[in-house]
């Protein structure tokens, strides 16, 4: 268990002890802040955190760092402040505290958790496909740091999962825009979006639909060779999907088959994905 895990358990135990000592309903007595040693202020912060007074908890953790910047409690308070801010959905403040921890204590055992909190400060804001995709890119970069710099940490596995979801999120945004253009007959613009998915997001769940939409768009433009190549890639990799059935129907209705042609950017994708030829 990391020190943060220990801190969490200690937080719960101390909070319960303080509450019981205060007879359940009374606020425990704490000395004046400026007169308090770091452990007392830290315990006060933990009490407030346990009571879900997150603003107060973050403030007291910050006071530990302000009044006793060179103490061991200051280091512990800083990572707990980042955690408290994140729990309170104050993502910018959480990110700032986590980054400060990384700057001051890069080799500490809780540095992995600080980096993970930093990544979460971006990741937890990207649920809506329509939001600014800059957050998604920043989340990917921060999650990649956890995965690459702290591969043995307990946060690496979760970071890998979240990285894949964020990556899929970017592909979803490209698909959303591509469908918008396709429905309005802006076929060239739609193709550019679906091409991004096929070339840059091949491992996501959106690739089969992107290939089918390419078949639709190219047929609408009369570019039958490109449509056949998209259908061939789709058939080779995703033959069991409804997207392939729809593409196969569109092609055969025009007397075409899903066969790769040796022209266009899709022929390169076909060589890479189907033939395993990278030149």
Protein backbone atom coordinates (compact mmCIF):
# COMPACT_ATOMS: atom_id res chain seq x y z
CA UNK A 1 0.00 0.00 0.00
CA UNK A 2 1.29 3.45 -0.89
CA UNK A 3 1.63 6.22 1.61
CA UNK A 4 -1.49 7.84 0.15
CA UNK A 5 -3.44 4.67 0.85
CA UNK A 6 -2.07 4.69 4.37
CA UNK A 7 -2.99 8.35 4.71
CA UNK A 8 -6.53 7.60 3.64
CA UNK A 9 -6.91 4.82 6.20
CA UNK A 10 -5.33 7.00 8.86
CA UNK A 11 -7.64 9.82 7.85
CA UNK A 12 -10.72 7.68 8.39
CA UNK A 13 -9.47 6.32 11.71
CA UNK A 14 -8.48 9.72 13.04
CA UNK A 15 -11.69 11.29 11.88
CA UNK A 16 -13.74 8.62 13.63
CA UNK A 17 -11.69 8.94 16.79
CA UNK A 18 -12.11 12.69 16.86
CA UNK A 19 -15.83 12.45 16.26
CA UNK A 20 -16.25 9.87 19.01
CA UNK A 21 -14.16 11.95 21.35
CA UNK A 22 -16.42 14.89 20.67
CA UNK A 23 -19.47 12.79 21.64
CA UNK A 24 -20.70 12.68 18.05
CA UNK A 25 -22.29 16.13 17.84
CA UNK A 26 -19.75 18.56 19.25
CA UNK A 27 -16.93 20.19 17.33
CA UNK A 28 -13.58 19.13 18.85
CA UNK A 29 -11.46 21.81 20.42
CA UNK A 30 -8.38 22.85 18.44
CA UNK A 31 -5.79 25.40 19.54
CA UNK A 32 -5.27 28.63 17.60
CA UNK A 33 -3.82 27.95 14.17
CA UNK A 34 -0.61 29.93 14.56
CA UNK A 35 0.06 28.21 17.88
CA UNK A 36 -0.58 24.70 16.59
CA UNK A 37 2.17 22.22 15.66
CA UNK A 38 1.96 20.69 12.16
CA UNK A 39 0.46 17.39 13.27
CA UNK A 40 -2.44 19.15 14.98
CA UNK A 41 -3.24 21.23 11.89
CA UNK A 42 -2.92 18.13 9.74
CA UNK A 43 -5.34 16.28 12.04
CA UNK A 44 -7.74 19.21 11.81
CA UNK A 45 -7.61 18.98 8.02
CA UNK A 46 -8.33 15.26 8.20
CA UNK A 47 -11.26 15.90 10.52
CA UNK A 48 -12.74 18.41 8.08
CA UNK A 49 -12.19 16.00 5.20
CA UNK A 50 -13.96 13.23 7.09
CA UNK A 51 -16.83 15.62 7.80
CA UNK A 52 -16.93 16.44 4.05
CA UNK A 53 -16.06 20.07 4.71
CA UNK A 54 -13.82 20.06 1.68
CA UNK A 55 -13.09 23.77 1.46
CA UNK A 56 -11.96 23.82 5.07
CA UNK A 57 -9.98 20.62 4.66
CA UNK A 58 -8.08 22.03 1.69
CA UNK A 59 -7.44 25.25 3.58
CA UNK A 60 -5.98 23.47 6.61
CA UNK A 61 -3.81 21.20 4.48
CA UNK A 62 -2.53 24.37 2.83
CA UNK A 63 -1.82 25.93 6.24
CA UNK A 64 0.43 23.01 7.14
CA UNK A 65 2.54 23.74 4.08
CA UNK A 66 2.49 27.49 4.72
CA UNK A 67 3.44 27.40 8.40
CA UNK A 68 5.77 24.39 8.33
CA UNK A 69 7.10 24.22 4.73
CA UNK A 70 10.11 22.05 5.57
CA UNK A 71 8.35 19.50 7.75
CA UNK A 72 7.39 15.97 6.78
CA UNK A 73 3.79 16.96 7.41
CA UNK A 74 4.04 19.63 4.70
CA UNK A 75 4.79 16.98 2.09
CA UNK A 76 1.91 14.80 3.27
CA UNK A 77 -0.43 17.78 3.46
CA UNK A 78 0.34 18.80 -0.10
CA UNK A 79 -0.66 15.48 -1.64
CA UNK A 80 -3.77 15.38 0.53
CA UNK A 81 -4.63 18.90 -0.55
CA UNK A 82 -4.45 17.81 -4.19
CA UNK A 83 -6.73 14.88 -3.34
CA UNK A 84 -9.18 17.14 -1.49
CA UNK A 85 -9.37 19.65 -4.31
CA UNK A 86 -10.04 16.85 -6.78
CA UNK A 87 -12.76 15.41 -4.59
CA UNK A 88 -14.32 18.88 -4.49
CA UNK A 89 -14.10 19.08 -8.30
CA UNK A 90 -11.75 22.04 -8.13
CA UNK A 91 -9.69 20.57 -10.92
CA UNK A 92 -7.37 23.48 -11.61
CA UNK A 93 -6.46 23.75 -7.92
CA UNK A 94 -5.97 19.99 -7.70
CA UNK A 95 -3.72 20.08 -10.74
CA UNK A 96 -1.69 22.96 -9.32
CA UNK A 97 -1.17 21.17 -5.99
CA UNK A 98 -0.26 17.90 -7.70
CA UNK A 99 2.22 19.66 -9.99
CA UNK A 100 3.77 21.44 -7.02
CA UNK A 101 4.20 18.07 -5.32
CA UNK A 102 5.93 16.69 -8.41
CA UNK A 103 8.19 19.74 -8.57
CA UNK A 104 9.20 19.51 -4.91
CA UNK A 105 9.24 15.72 -4.41
CA UNK A 106 9.80 14.06 -7.82
CA UNK A 107 11.41 10.96 -6.32
CA UNK A 108 8.93 10.45 -3.50
CA UNK A 109 6.85 7.27 -3.43
CA UNK A 110 3.65 9.30 -3.79
CA UNK A 111 4.85 11.05 -6.96
CA UNK A 112 2.98 8.45 -9.03
CA UNK A 113 -0.24 9.33 -7.25
CA UNK A 114 0.40 13.05 -7.76
CA UNK A 115 0.85 12.46 -11.49
CA UNK A 116 -2.30 10.34 -11.53
CA UNK A 117 -4.28 13.12 -9.81
CA UNK A 118 -2.89 15.58 -12.34
CA UNK A 119 -4.13 13.36 -15.16
CA UNK A 120 -7.53 12.95 -13.53
CA UNK A 121 -7.87 16.72 -13.28
CA UNK A 122 -8.11 16.69 -17.08
CA UNK A 123 -9.77 13.32 -17.61
CA UNK A 124 -12.75 13.93 -15.34
CA UNK A 125 -13.80 16.90 -17.47
CA UNK A 126 -14.03 15.15 -20.86
CA UNK A 127 -17.18 13.04 -20.50
CA UNK A 128 -19.15 15.21 -22.93
CA UNK A 129 -18.13 14.63 -26.56
CA UNK A 130 -18.92 18.23 -27.36
CA UNK A 131 -16.41 19.72 -24.91
CA UNK A 132 -13.06 21.26 -25.79
CA UNK A 133 -10.87 18.46 -27.09
CA UNK A 134 -7.78 20.19 -25.70
CA UNK A 135 -8.66 18.67 -22.34
CA UNK A 136 -8.64 15.22 -23.91
CA UNK A 137 -5.19 15.73 -25.41
CA UNK A 138 -3.86 16.97 -22.08
CA UNK A 139 -5.41 14.01 -20.29
CA UNK A 140 -3.75 11.64 -22.75
CA UNK A 141 -0.36 13.24 -22.22
CA UNK A 142 -0.66 13.13 -18.43
CA UNK A 143 -1.94 9.54 -18.42
CA UNK A 144 0.90 8.50 -20.72
CA UNK A 145 3.35 9.93 -18.18
CA UNK A 146 1.86 7.72 -15.46
CA UNK A 147 2.09 4.68 -17.72
CA UNK A 148 5.64 5.32 -18.91
CA UNK A 149 7.27 6.85 -15.84
CA UNK A 150 5.50 4.79 -13.18
CA UNK A 151 4.72 1.47 -14.92
CA UNK A 152 4.99 -0.55 -11.69
CA UNK A 153 2.71 1.72 -9.68
CA UNK A 154 -0.82 0.77 -8.68
CA UNK A 155 -2.09 3.60 -10.90
CA UNK A 156 -0.63 2.36 -14.19
CA UNK A 157 -3.41 -0.13 -14.92
CA UNK A 158 -6.14 2.43 -14.32
CA UNK A 159 -4.23 4.95 -16.43
CA UNK A 160 -4.06 2.51 -19.35
CA UNK A 161 -7.82 2.00 -19.21
CA UNK A 162 -8.51 5.72 -19.03
CA UNK A 163 -6.00 6.39 -21.82
CA UNK A 164 -7.90 3.99 -24.11
CA UNK A 165 -11.21 5.63 -23.21
CA UNK A 166 -9.84 9.12 -23.83
CA UNK A 167 -8.34 7.99 -27.14
CA UNK A 168 -11.71 6.56 -28.11
CA UNK A 169 -13.27 9.87 -27.12
CA UNK A 170 -11.15 11.76 -29.65
CA UNK A 171 -12.20 9.35 -32.37
CA UNK A 172 -15.83 9.84 -31.38
CA UNK A 173 -15.46 13.57 -31.88
CA UNK A 174 -14.03 13.08 -35.37
CA UNK A 175 -16.92 10.75 -36.19
CA UNK A 176 -19.47 13.25 -34.92
CA UNK A 177 -18.12 15.98 -37.19
CA UNK A 178 -17.76 13.59 -40.12
CA UNK A 179 -21.38 12.49 -39.86
CA UNK A 180 -22.45 16.14 -39.74
CA UNK A 181 -20.68 16.86 -43.02
CA UNK A 182 -21.87 13.63 -44.63
CA UNK A 183 -25.55 14.33 -43.90
CA UNK A 184 -25.22 17.75 -45.50
CA UNK A 185 -23.50 16.47 -48.62
CA UNK A 186 -20.10 17.91 -47.82
CA UNK A 187 -18.40 14.69 -48.86
CA UNK A 188 -14.80 15.86 -49.10
CA UNK A 189 -14.94 17.37 -45.61
CA UNK A 190 -16.55 14.20 -44.26
CA UNK A 191 -13.88 12.01 -45.87
CA UNK A 192 -11.15 14.05 -44.20
CA UNK A 193 -12.68 13.36 -40.78
CA UNK A 194 -13.21 9.64 -41.38
CA UNK A 195 -9.67 9.40 -42.74
CA UNK A 196 -8.32 10.72 -39.43
CA UNK A 197 -10.14 7.92 -37.60
CA UNK A 198 -8.83 5.23 -39.94
CA UNK A 199 -5.26 6.51 -39.98
CA UNK A 200 -4.81 7.76 -36.42
CA UNK A 201 -7.39 5.88 -34.35
CA UNK A 202 -7.31 2.39 -35.84
CA UNK A 203 -7.47 0.72 -32.42
CA UNK A 204 -10.72 2.40 -31.39
CA UNK A 205 -14.25 1.07 -31.69
CA UNK A 206 -15.11 3.70 -34.30
CA UNK A 207 -12.95 2.33 -37.12
CA UNK A 208 -15.59 0.00 -38.65
CA UNK A 209 -18.14 2.80 -38.94
CA UNK A 210 -15.51 5.18 -40.31
CA UNK A 211 -14.71 2.71 -43.11
CA UNK A 212 -18.40 2.29 -43.91
CA UNK A 213 -18.90 6.06 -44.02
CA UNK A 214 -15.97 6.26 -46.42
CA UNK A 215 -17.75 3.78 -48.67
CA UNK A 216 -20.85 5.99 -48.55
CA UNK A 217 -18.96 9.22 -49.19
CA UNK A 218 -16.81 7.87 -52.02
CA UNK A 219 -19.79 6.30 -53.78
CA UNK A 220 -21.61 9.63 -53.50
CA UNK A 221 -18.66 11.28 -55.26
CA UNK A 222 -18.48 8.53 -57.88
CA UNK A 223 -15.05 7.39 -56.67
CA UNK A 224 -15.76 3.70 -56.94
CA UNK A 225 -12.19 2.48 -56.56
CA UNK A 226 -11.76 4.21 -53.22
CA UNK A 227 -15.14 2.90 -52.06
CA UNK A 228 -14.15 -0.66 -53.01
CA UNK A 229 -10.87 -0.37 -51.12
CA UNK A 230 -12.60 0.91 -47.99
CA UNK A 231 -15.03 -1.99 -48.28
CA UNK A 232 -12.15 -4.47 -48.67
CA UNK A 233 -10.45 -3.21 -45.50
CA UNK A 234 -13.76 -3.33 -43.66
CA UNK A 235 -14.45 -6.87 -44.86
CA UNK A 236 -11.02 -8.15 -43.91
CA UNK A 237 -11.03 -6.73 -40.39
CA UNK A 238 -14.71 -6.40 -39.46
CA UNK A 239 -16.62 -8.83 -41.63
CA UNK A 240 -18.98 -9.85 -38.82
CA UNK A 241 -20.23 -6.30 -38.24
CA UNK A 242 -23.39 -4.65 -39.50
CA UNK A 243 -21.18 -1.93 -40.98
CA UNK A 244 -19.67 -4.45 -43.41
CA UNK A 245 -23.10 -5.80 -44.36
CA UNK A 246 -24.28 -2.27 -45.15
CA UNK A 247 -21.16 -1.49 -47.19
CA UNK A 248 -21.36 -4.80 -49.05
CA UNK A 249 -24.97 -4.02 -49.97
CA UNK A 250 -24.13 -0.51 -51.18
CA UNK A 251 -21.32 -1.84 -53.35
CA UNK A 252 -23.16 -4.80 -54.84
CA UNK A 253 -26.16 -2.61 -55.68
CA UNK A 254 -23.82 -0.79 -58.05
CA UNK A 255 -22.30 -3.94 -59.43
CA UNK A 256 -19.13 -3.49 -57.37
CA UNK A 257 -17.32 -5.72 -54.91
CA UNK A 258 -15.18 -4.97 -51.85
CA UNK A 259 -11.85 -5.38 -53.63
CA UNK A 260 -8.80 -3.25 -52.93
CA UNK A 261 -7.60 -1.01 -55.73
CA UNK A 262 -4.00 0.18 -56.09
CA UNK A 263 -4.75 3.89 -55.98
CA UNK A 264 -5.29 6.47 -53.25
CA UNK A 265 -4.40 6.70 -49.58
CA UNK A 266 -6.60 3.73 -48.67
CA UNK A 267 -4.38 1.43 -50.73
CA UNK A 268 -1.58 2.21 -48.26
CA UNK A 269 -3.88 1.39 -45.35
CA UNK A 270 -4.84 -1.86 -47.08
CA UNK A 271 -1.21 -2.88 -47.53
CA UNK A 272 -0.48 -2.13 -43.89
CA UNK A 273 -3.56 -3.66 -42.29
CA UNK A 274 -4.21 -6.60 -44.59
CA UNK A 275 -0.93 -7.53 -46.25
CA UNK A 276 1.31 -6.44 -43.42
CA UNK A 277 3.46 -4.44 -45.87
CA UNK A 278 4.67 -1.12 -44.48
CA UNK A 279 6.47 0.26 -47.52
